[in-house]
């Protein structure tokens, strides 16, 4: 364990083995820092932070700050960061708003410089959030999602697994899994074919998803009709089932499609 002499580490914080704490870091009571983790200069870890193993926190990041809610009374709540995640410079992650609640970042995520996660956000494993992206309270981001820089997300919005949201997008409705969406207002532009290949989805699974995508966004069917057609015309496939379940469970409604001539083709 290496702790710079200028760092302020509360005696009630729990630091694992092989932890590195840089100069002028502040680690409050009720912080857990997992084995092999490192915290850069001037970073602040407020009470309630739970960091897993090998988490990298860059200089000036602030984790576990109070929710930005007028009149909010301080309550014990948490920020959890999964193993092997990277938190870059000036990132802010706020703790949950309700007592015992949790703002969560999964395993193997990267939060690039200056992005912001508000209270109660839930970020699944392997997500990448690019610089200056801003997530309001209760936003849910699925596994392997990529969010572009300067994108802004309304409260309670969901982004489904392996979706990509382009930079500078204004996202006010749910973005279904497996798609590419961007714009102001945000619109679904195509299937995230490259992302699906990189994630290891087999060719046949990608082909079925492409057919489902065309029924949803490239046909004259409304959403209910497209889902009925998917169930009637396509073979049962777990990713298509996930896509349909996501759309049917949406409370905010899903992001509309936009006509496109350049949809990426699967090999």
C-alpha atoms as a PDB file:
ATOM      1  CA  UNK A   1       0.000   0.000   0.000  1.00  0.00           C
ATOM      2  CA  UNK A   2       1.321   3.427  -0.985  1.00  0.00           C
ATOM      3  CA  UNK A   3      -0.310   6.545   0.455  1.00  0.00           C
ATOM      4  CA  UNK A   4       1.173   9.953  -0.281  1.00  0.00           C
ATOM      5  CA  UNK A   5       1.833  11.891   2.937  1.00  0.00           C
ATOM      6  CA  UNK A   6      -0.329  14.798   1.775  1.00  0.00           C
ATOM      7  CA  UNK A   7      -3.404  12.582   1.302  1.00  0.00           C
ATOM      8  CA  UNK A   8      -6.196  12.701   3.899  1.00  0.00           C
ATOM      9  CA  UNK A   9      -7.521   9.201   4.550  1.00  0.00           C
ATOM     10  CA  UNK A  10     -10.074   8.717   7.317  1.00  0.00           C
ATOM     11  CA  UNK A  11      -9.184   5.937   9.724  1.00  0.00           C
ATOM     12  CA  UNK A  12     -12.630   4.412   9.168  1.00  0.00           C
ATOM     13  CA  UNK A  13     -11.987   3.953   5.431  1.00  0.00           C
ATOM     14  CA  UNK A  14     -11.172   0.397   4.317  1.00  0.00           C
ATOM     15  CA  UNK A  15      -8.253   0.131   1.911  1.00  0.00           C
ATOM     16  CA  UNK A  16      -7.264  -3.177   0.338  1.00  0.00           C
ATOM     17  CA  UNK A  17      -3.800  -4.499  -0.445  1.00  0.00           C
ATOM     18  CA  UNK A  18      -1.572  -2.910  -3.106  1.00  0.00           C
ATOM     19  CA  UNK A  19      -3.621   0.287  -3.103  1.00  0.00           C
ATOM     20  CA  UNK A  20      -2.048   3.545  -4.311  1.00  0.00           C
ATOM     21  CA  UNK A  21      -3.318   6.914  -3.071  1.00  0.00           C
ATOM     22  CA  UNK A  22      -1.825  10.022  -4.692  1.00  0.00           C
ATOM     23  CA  UNK A  23      -1.069  13.493  -3.329  1.00  0.00           C
ATOM     24  CA  UNK A  24      -3.857  15.612  -1.842  1.00  0.00           C
ATOM     25  CA  UNK A  25      -6.459  12.878  -2.210  1.00  0.00           C
ATOM     26  CA  UNK A  26      -9.375  12.955   0.261  1.00  0.00           C
ATOM     27  CA  UNK A  27     -10.920   9.618   1.281  1.00  0.00           C
ATOM     28  CA  UNK A  28     -13.712   9.934   3.826  1.00  0.00           C
ATOM     29  CA  UNK A  29     -15.019   7.458   6.381  1.00  0.00           C
ATOM     30  CA  UNK A  30     -17.152   4.574   5.106  1.00  0.00           C
ATOM     31  CA  UNK A  31     -15.192   4.248   1.864  1.00  0.00           C
ATOM     32  CA  UNK A  32     -14.081   0.822   0.626  1.00  0.00           C
ATOM     33  CA  UNK A  33     -11.200   0.706  -1.856  1.00  0.00           C
ATOM     34  CA  UNK A  34     -10.517  -2.710  -3.369  1.00  0.00           C
ATOM     35  CA  UNK A  35      -7.205  -4.491  -3.814  1.00  0.00           C
ATOM     36  CA  UNK A  36      -4.897  -3.075  -6.466  1.00  0.00           C
ATOM     37  CA  UNK A  37      -6.874   0.129  -6.957  1.00  0.00           C
ATOM     38  CA  UNK A  38      -5.280   3.534  -7.485  1.00  0.00           C
ATOM     39  CA  UNK A  39      -6.562   7.054  -6.775  1.00  0.00           C
ATOM     40  CA  UNK A  40      -4.900  10.001  -8.518  1.00  0.00           C
ATOM     41  CA  UNK A  41      -3.946  13.396  -7.148  1.00  0.00           C
ATOM     42  CA  UNK A  42      -6.690  15.627  -5.734  1.00  0.00           C
ATOM     43  CA  UNK A  43      -9.458  13.063  -6.226  1.00  0.00           C
ATOM     44  CA  UNK A  44     -12.215  12.944  -3.587  1.00  0.00           C
ATOM     45  CA  UNK A  45     -14.004   9.793  -2.441  1.00  0.00           C
ATOM     46  CA  UNK A  46     -16.955  10.702  -0.231  1.00  0.00           C
ATOM     47  CA  UNK A  47     -18.486   8.386   2.346  1.00  0.00           C
ATOM     48  CA  UNK A  48     -20.491   5.536   0.865  1.00  0.00           C
ATOM     49  CA  UNK A  49     -18.143   4.811  -2.052  1.00  0.00           C
ATOM     50  CA  UNK A  50     -17.520   1.123  -2.712  1.00  0.00           C
ATOM     51  CA  UNK A  51     -14.761   0.561  -5.258  1.00  0.00           C
ATOM     52  CA  UNK A  52     -13.883  -2.925  -6.461  1.00  0.00           C
ATOM     53  CA  UNK A  53     -10.516  -4.390  -7.329  1.00  0.00           C
ATOM     54  CA  UNK A  54      -8.083  -2.686  -9.708  1.00  0.00           C
ATOM     55  CA  UNK A  55     -10.252   0.404 -10.161  1.00  0.00           C
ATOM     56  CA  UNK A  56      -8.316   3.366 -11.563  1.00  0.00           C
ATOM     57  CA  UNK A  57      -9.449   6.828 -10.431  1.00  0.00           C
ATOM     58  CA  UNK A  58      -7.698   9.678 -12.238  1.00  0.00           C
ATOM     59  CA  UNK A  59      -6.807  13.069 -10.738  1.00  0.00           C
ATOM     60  CA  UNK A  60      -9.611  15.410  -9.671  1.00  0.00           C
ATOM     61  CA  UNK A  61     -12.439  12.890  -9.991  1.00  0.00           C
ATOM     62  CA  UNK A  62     -15.161  13.257  -7.329  1.00  0.00           C
ATOM     63  CA  UNK A  63     -17.131  10.155  -6.376  1.00  0.00           C
ATOM     64  CA  UNK A  64     -20.034   9.928  -3.948  1.00  0.00           C
ATOM     65  CA  UNK A  65     -21.037  13.587  -3.822  1.00  0.00           C
ATOM     66  CA  UNK A  66     -24.530  14.550  -2.691  1.00  0.00           C
ATOM     67  CA  UNK A  67     -27.369  14.465  -5.254  1.00  0.00           C
ATOM     68  CA  UNK A  68     -28.046  17.780  -6.964  1.00  0.00           C
ATOM     69  CA  UNK A  69     -31.594  18.092  -5.627  1.00  0.00           C
ATOM     70  CA  UNK A  70     -32.791  21.320  -4.047  1.00  0.00           C
ATOM     71  CA  UNK A  71     -33.620  20.809  -0.391  1.00  0.00           C
ATOM     72  CA  UNK A  72     -32.301  17.255  -0.346  1.00  0.00           C
ATOM     73  CA  UNK A  73     -31.627  16.052   3.195  1.00  0.00           C
ATOM     74  CA  UNK A  74     -28.392  14.056   3.565  1.00  0.00           C
ATOM     75  CA  UNK A  75     -29.032  10.321   3.950  1.00  0.00           C
ATOM     76  CA  UNK A  76     -26.687   7.323   3.951  1.00  0.00           C
ATOM     77  CA  UNK A  77     -26.419   6.117   0.337  1.00  0.00           C
ATOM     78  CA  UNK A  78     -23.823   4.604  -1.945  1.00  0.00           C
ATOM     79  CA  UNK A  79     -21.754   4.722  -5.115  1.00  0.00           C
ATOM     80  CA  UNK A  80     -20.487   1.323  -6.283  1.00  0.00           C
ATOM     81  CA  UNK A  81     -17.763   0.946  -8.917  1.00  0.00           C
ATOM     82  CA  UNK A  82     -17.097  -2.561 -10.278  1.00  0.00           C
ATOM     83  CA  UNK A  83     -13.752  -4.299 -10.720  1.00  0.00           C
ATOM     84  CA  UNK A  84     -11.359  -3.059 -13.427  1.00  0.00           C
ATOM     85  CA  UNK A  85     -13.277   0.109 -14.200  1.00  0.00           C
ATOM     86  CA  UNK A  86     -11.512   3.330 -15.165  1.00  0.00           C
ATOM     87  CA  UNK A  87     -12.680   6.731 -13.914  1.00  0.00           C
ATOM     88  CA  UNK A  88     -10.860   9.531 -15.699  1.00  0.00           C
ATOM     89  CA  UNK A  89     -10.111  13.150 -14.825  1.00  0.00           C
ATOM     90  CA  UNK A  90     -12.847  15.369 -13.370  1.00  0.00           C
ATOM     91  CA  UNK A  91     -15.557  12.713 -13.582  1.00  0.00           C
ATOM     92  CA  UNK A  92     -18.374  13.222 -11.065  1.00  0.00           C
ATOM     93  CA  UNK A  93     -20.582  10.389  -9.809  1.00  0.00           C
ATOM     94  CA  UNK A  94     -23.250  11.263  -7.227  1.00  0.00           C
ATOM     95  CA  UNK A  95     -24.587   8.891  -4.600  1.00  0.00           C
ATOM     96  CA  UNK A  96     -28.201   7.723  -4.581  1.00  0.00           C
ATOM     97  CA  UNK A  97     -30.945  10.047  -3.374  1.00  0.00           C
ATOM     98  CA  UNK A  98     -32.782   7.650  -1.064  1.00  0.00           C
ATOM     99  CA  UNK A  99     -31.429   6.076   2.091  1.00  0.00           C
ATOM    100  CA  UNK A 100     -29.646   2.829   1.299  1.00  0.00           C
ATOM    101  CA  UNK A 101     -29.849   3.442  -2.457  1.00  0.00           C
ATOM    102  CA  UNK A 102     -27.010   2.909  -4.896  1.00  0.00           C
ATOM    103  CA  UNK A 103     -25.579   4.628  -7.935  1.00  0.00           C
ATOM    104  CA  UNK A 104     -23.814   1.779  -9.714  1.00  0.00           C
ATOM    105  CA  UNK A 105     -21.065   1.449 -12.314  1.00  0.00           C
ATOM    106  CA  UNK A 106     -20.415  -2.135 -13.410  1.00  0.00           C
ATOM    107  CA  UNK A 107     -17.232  -4.057 -14.113  1.00  0.00           C
ATOM    108  CA  UNK A 108     -14.818  -3.040 -16.824  1.00  0.00           C
ATOM    109  CA  UNK A 109     -16.426   0.317 -17.569  1.00  0.00           C
ATOM    110  CA  UNK A 110     -14.660   3.459 -18.730  1.00  0.00           C
ATOM    111  CA  UNK A 111     -15.909   6.902 -17.746  1.00  0.00           C
ATOM    112  CA  UNK A 112     -13.884   9.379 -19.781  1.00  0.00           C
ATOM    113  CA  UNK A 113     -12.832  12.824 -18.585  1.00  0.00           C
ATOM    114  CA  UNK A 114     -15.472  15.278 -17.394  1.00  0.00           C
ATOM    115  CA  UNK A 115     -18.548  13.076 -17.772  1.00  0.00           C
ATOM    116  CA  UNK A 116     -21.252  13.151 -15.097  1.00  0.00           C
ATOM    117  CA  UNK A 117     -23.477  10.488 -13.546  1.00  0.00           C
ATOM    118  CA  UNK A 118     -26.297  11.834 -11.405  1.00  0.00           C
ATOM    119  CA  UNK A 119     -27.929  10.078  -8.473  1.00  0.00           C
ATOM    120  CA  UNK A 120     -29.262   6.525  -8.884  1.00  0.00           C
ATOM    121  CA  UNK A 121     -27.821   5.906 -12.353  1.00  0.00           C
ATOM    122  CA  UNK A 122     -27.230   2.236 -13.167  1.00  0.00           C
ATOM    123  CA  UNK A 123     -24.389   1.465 -15.589  1.00  0.00           C
ATOM    124  CA  UNK A 124     -23.957  -2.176 -16.641  1.00  0.00           C
ATOM    125  CA  UNK A 125     -20.664  -3.970 -17.282  1.00  0.00           C
ATOM    126  CA  UNK A 126     -18.404  -2.885 -20.107  1.00  0.00           C
ATOM    127  CA  UNK A 127     -20.071   0.459 -20.845  1.00  0.00           C
ATOM    128  CA  UNK A 128     -18.022   3.344 -22.225  1.00  0.00           C
ATOM    129  CA  UNK A 129     -19.138   6.897 -21.479  1.00  0.00           C
ATOM    130  CA  UNK A 130     -17.255   9.493 -23.491  1.00  0.00           C
ATOM    131  CA  UNK A 131     -16.072  12.882 -22.265  1.00  0.00           C
ATOM    132  CA  UNK A 132     -18.677  15.496 -21.305  1.00  0.00           C
ATOM    133  CA  UNK A 133     -21.633  13.111 -21.527  1.00  0.00           C
ATOM    134  CA  UNK A 134     -24.201  13.954 -18.836  1.00  0.00           C
ATOM    135  CA  UNK A 135     -26.661  11.487 -17.336  1.00  0.00           C
ATOM    136  CA  UNK A 136     -29.526  12.796 -15.211  1.00  0.00           C
ATOM    137  CA  UNK A 137     -30.966  10.856 -12.290  1.00  0.00           C
ATOM    138  CA  UNK A 138     -32.087   7.222 -12.599  1.00  0.00           C
ATOM    139  CA  UNK A 139     -30.672   6.690 -16.108  1.00  0.00           C
ATOM    140  CA  UNK A 140     -30.008   3.018 -16.954  1.00  0.00           C
ATOM    141  CA  UNK A 141     -27.253   2.029 -19.373  1.00  0.00           C
ATOM    142  CA  UNK A 142     -27.038  -1.553 -20.628  1.00  0.00           C
ATOM    143  CA  UNK A 143     -24.091  -3.872 -21.015  1.00  0.00           C
ATOM    144  CA  UNK A 144     -21.477  -2.851 -23.590  1.00  0.00           C
ATOM    145  CA  UNK A 145     -23.172   0.438 -24.479  1.00  0.00           C
ATOM    146  CA  UNK A 146     -21.096   3.290 -25.929  1.00  0.00           C
ATOM    147  CA  UNK A 147     -22.226   6.873 -25.258  1.00  0.00           C
ATOM    148  CA  UNK A 148     -20.711   9.660 -27.343  1.00  0.00           C
ATOM    149  CA  UNK A 149     -19.234  12.873 -26.017  1.00  0.00           C
ATOM    150  CA  UNK A 150     -21.522  15.728 -24.996  1.00  0.00           C
ATOM    151  CA  UNK A 151     -24.608  13.507 -25.203  1.00  0.00           C
ATOM    152  CA  UNK A 152     -27.289  14.406 -22.647  1.00  0.00           C
ATOM    153  CA  UNK A 153     -29.782  11.963 -21.116  1.00  0.00           C
ATOM    154  CA  UNK A 154     -33.128  12.805 -19.507  1.00  0.00           C
ATOM    155  CA  UNK A 155     -34.107  11.357 -16.123  1.00  0.00           C
ATOM    156  CA  UNK A 156     -35.195   7.696 -16.157  1.00  0.00           C
ATOM    157  CA  UNK A 157     -34.077   7.104 -19.758  1.00  0.00           C
ATOM    158  CA  UNK A 158     -32.811   3.593 -20.573  1.00  0.00           C
ATOM    159  CA  UNK A 159     -30.255   2.595 -23.207  1.00  0.00           C
ATOM    160  CA  UNK A 160     -30.326  -1.089 -24.104  1.00  0.00           C
ATOM    161  CA  UNK A 161     -27.469  -3.567 -24.372  1.00  0.00           C
ATOM    162  CA  UNK A 162     -24.829  -3.040 -27.094  1.00  0.00           C
ATOM    163  CA  UNK A 163     -26.431   0.169 -28.336  1.00  0.00           C
ATOM    164  CA  UNK A 164     -24.387   3.188 -29.380  1.00  0.00           C
ATOM    165  CA  UNK A 165     -25.488   6.797 -28.920  1.00  0.00           C
ATOM    166  CA  UNK A 166     -23.698   9.433 -30.980  1.00  0.00           C
ATOM    167  CA  UNK A 167     -22.028  12.521 -29.606  1.00  0.00           C
ATOM    168  CA  UNK A 168     -24.054  15.656 -28.856  1.00  0.00           C
ATOM    169  CA  UNK A 169     -27.322  13.725 -28.865  1.00  0.00           C
ATOM    170  CA  UNK A 170     -30.338  14.802 -26.805  1.00  0.00           C
ATOM    171  CA  UNK A 171     -31.893  11.595 -25.471  1.00  0.00           C
ATOM    172  CA  UNK A 172     -35.362  11.936 -23.965  1.00  0.00           C
ATOM    173  CA  UNK A 173     -36.756   8.469 -24.718  1.00  0.00           C
ATOM    174  CA  UNK A 174     -35.430   4.930 -24.310  1.00  0.00           C
ATOM    175  CA  UNK A 175     -32.893   3.717 -26.866  1.00  0.00           C
ATOM    176  CA  UNK A 176     -33.475   0.024 -27.695  1.00  0.00           C
ATOM    177  CA  UNK A 177     -30.642  -2.510 -27.549  1.00  0.00           C
ATOM    178  CA  UNK A 178     -28.389  -3.215 -30.561  1.00  0.00           C
ATOM    179  CA  UNK A 179     -29.029   0.052 -32.427  1.00  0.00           C
ATOM    180  CA  UNK A 180     -27.132   3.205 -33.316  1.00  0.00           C
ATOM    181  CA  UNK A 181     -28.934   6.406 -32.360  1.00  0.00           C
ATOM    182  CA  UNK A 182     -27.932  10.045 -32.579  1.00  0.00           C
ATOM    183  CA  UNK A 183     -29.199  13.574 -33.074  1.00  0.00           C
ATOM    184  CA  UNK A 184     -31.203  16.359 -31.488  1.00  0.00           C
ATOM    185  CA  UNK A 185     -33.781  15.030 -31.020  1.00  0.00           C
ATOM    186  CA  UNK A 186     -32.246  11.580 -30.923  1.00  0.00           C
ATOM    187  CA  UNK A 187     -33.305   9.157 -33.674  1.00  0.00           C
ATOM    188  CA  UNK A 188     -32.441   5.525 -34.359  1.00  0.00           C
ATOM    189  CA  UNK A 189     -30.226   5.467 -37.457  1.00  0.00           C
ATOM    190  CA  UNK A 190     -29.289   1.812 -37.922  1.00  0.00           C
ATOM    191  CA  UNK A 191     -28.307  -1.490 -36.402  1.00  0.00           C
ATOM    192  CA  UNK A 192     -25.004  -1.430 -34.491  1.00  0.00           C
ATOM    193  CA  UNK A 193     -23.548  -4.101 -36.767  1.00  0.00           C
ATOM    194  CA  UNK A 194     -19.895  -3.395 -35.949  1.00  0.00           C
ATOM    195  CA  UNK A 195     -20.600  -3.420 -32.221  1.00  0.00           C
ATOM    196  CA  UNK A 196     -22.491  -6.694 -32.508  1.00  0.00           C
ATOM    197  CA  UNK A 197     -19.607  -8.346 -34.362  1.00  0.00           C
ATOM    198  CA  UNK A 198     -17.091  -7.078 -31.813  1.00  0.00           C
ATOM    199  CA  UNK A 199     -19.265  -8.437 -29.014  1.00  0.00           C
ATOM    200  CA  UNK A 200     -19.111 -11.877 -30.621  1.00  0.00           C
ATOM    201  CA  UNK A 201     -22.725 -12.276 -31.734  1.00  0.00           C
ATOM    202  CA  UNK A 202     -22.869 -15.049 -34.361  1.00  0.00           C
ATOM    203  CA  UNK A 203     -23.710 -14.168 -37.954  1.00  0.00           C
ATOM    204  CA  UNK A 204     -27.117 -15.831 -37.837  1.00  0.00           C
ATOM    205  CA  UNK A 205     -28.053 -13.932 -34.665  1.00  0.00           C
ATOM    206  CA  UNK A 206     -27.065 -10.677 -36.377  1.00  0.00           C
ATOM    207  CA  UNK A 207     -29.112 -11.540 -39.428  1.00  0.00           C
ATOM    208  CA  UNK A 208     -32.221 -12.189 -37.350  1.00  0.00           C
ATOM    209  CA  UNK A 209     -31.684  -8.915 -35.486  1.00  0.00           C
ATOM    210  CA  UNK A 210     -31.326  -7.110 -38.801  1.00  0.00           C
ATOM    211  CA  UNK A 211     -34.657  -8.500 -39.971  1.00  0.00           C
ATOM    212  CA  UNK A 212     -36.278  -7.412 -36.698  1.00  0.00           C
ATOM    213  CA  UNK A 213     -34.725  -3.962 -37.061  1.00  0.00           C
ATOM    214  CA  UNK A 214     -36.130  -3.568 -40.569  1.00  0.00           C
ATOM    215  CA  UNK A 215     -39.607  -4.481 -39.397  1.00  0.00           C
ATOM    216  CA  UNK A 216     -39.385  -1.935 -36.584  1.00  0.00           C
ATOM    217  CA  UNK A 217     -37.727   0.952 -38.437  1.00  0.00           C
ATOM    218  CA  UNK A 218     -37.793   0.342 -42.195  1.00  0.00           C
ATOM    219  CA  UNK A 219     -41.370  -0.787 -42.766  1.00  0.00           C
ATOM    220  CA  UNK A 220     -44.756   0.917 -42.787  1.00  0.00           C
ATOM    221  CA  UNK A 221     -45.787  -0.970 -39.635  1.00  0.00           C
ATOM    222  CA  UNK A 222     -46.373   0.784 -36.344  1.00  0.00           C
ATOM    223  CA  UNK A 223     -44.540  -0.538 -33.286  1.00  0.00           C
ATOM    224  CA  UNK A 224     -47.282  -2.949 -32.182  1.00  0.00           C
ATOM    225  CA  UNK A 225     -47.647  -4.331 -35.687  1.00  0.00           C
ATOM    226  CA  UNK A 226     -43.882  -4.688 -36.083  1.00  0.00           C
ATOM    227  CA  UNK A 227     -43.607  -6.636 -32.838  1.00  0.00           C
ATOM    228  CA  UNK A 228     -46.423  -8.919 -33.942  1.00  0.00           C
ATOM    229  CA  UNK A 229     -44.651  -9.469 -37.265  1.00  0.00           C
ATOM    230  CA  UNK A 230     -41.379 -10.231 -35.461  1.00  0.00           C
ATOM    231  CA  UNK A 231     -43.121 -12.888 -33.388  1.00  0.00           C
ATOM    232  CA  UNK A 232     -44.871 -14.392 -36.410  1.00  0.00           C
ATOM    233  CA  UNK A 233     -42.127 -14.212 -39.032  1.00  0.00           C
ATOM    234  CA  UNK A 234     -38.820 -14.668 -37.203  1.00  0.00           C
ATOM    235  CA  UNK A 235     -37.371 -17.693 -35.404  1.00  0.00           C
ATOM    236  CA  UNK A 236     -37.130 -17.412 -31.615  1.00  0.00           C
ATOM    237  CA  UNK A 237     -33.775 -15.886 -30.736  1.00  0.00           C
ATOM    238  CA  UNK A 238     -32.687 -14.595 -27.350  1.00  0.00           C
ATOM    239  CA  UNK A 239     -31.414 -11.219 -28.564  1.00  0.00           C
ATOM    240  CA  UNK A 240     -34.605 -10.532 -30.530  1.00  0.00           C
ATOM    241  CA  UNK A 241     -36.595 -11.523 -27.443  1.00  0.00           C
ATOM    242  CA  UNK A 242     -34.533  -9.016 -25.459  1.00  0.00           C
ATOM    243  CA  UNK A 243     -35.195  -6.302 -28.042  1.00  0.00           C
ATOM    244  CA  UNK A 244     -38.951  -6.903 -27.972  1.00  0.00           C
ATOM    245  CA  UNK A 245     -39.072  -7.103 -24.171  1.00  0.00           C
ATOM    246  CA  UNK A 246     -37.174  -3.814 -23.877  1.00  0.00           C
ATOM    247  CA  UNK A 247     -39.604  -2.007 -26.181  1.00  0.00           C
ATOM    248  CA  UNK A 248     -42.693  -3.456 -24.512  1.00  0.00           C
ATOM    249  CA  UNK A 249     -41.436  -2.544 -21.029  1.00  0.00           C
ATOM    250  CA  UNK A 250     -40.632   1.060 -21.891  1.00  0.00           C
ATOM    251  CA  UNK A 251     -42.361   3.645 -19.720  1.00  0.00           C
ATOM    252  CA  UNK A 252     -41.015   6.723 -21.505  1.00  0.00           C
ATOM    253  CA  UNK A 253     -41.511   5.343 -25.007  1.00  0.00           C
ATOM    254  CA  UNK A 254     -38.701   4.396 -27.360  1.00  0.00           C
ATOM    255  CA  UNK A 255     -36.665   6.591 -29.645  1.00  0.00           C
ATOM    256  CA  UNK A 256     -38.196   6.913 -33.122  1.00  0.00           C
ATOM    257  CA  UNK A 257     -36.411   5.802 -36.250  1.00  0.00           C
ATOM    258  CA  UNK A 258     -35.089   7.998 -39.027  1.00  0.00           C
ATOM    259  CA  UNK A 259     -34.879   7.072 -42.726  1.00  0.00           C
ATOM    260  CA  UNK A 260     -31.387   6.067 -43.753  1.00  0.00           C
ATOM    261  CA  UNK A 261     -29.722   5.001 -46.982  1.00  0.00           C
ATOM    262  CA  UNK A 262     -26.493   3.883 -45.382  1.00  0.00           C
ATOM    263  CA  UNK A 263     -27.441   1.221 -42.874  1.00  0.00           C
ATOM    264  CA  UNK A 264     -24.367  -0.939 -42.236  1.00  0.00           C
ATOM    265  CA  UNK A 265     -24.647  -4.396 -43.743  1.00  0.00           C
ATOM    266  CA  UNK A 266     -23.666  -7.565 -41.933  1.00  0.00           C
ATOM    267  CA  UNK A 267     -21.030  -9.644 -43.648  1.00  0.00           C
END
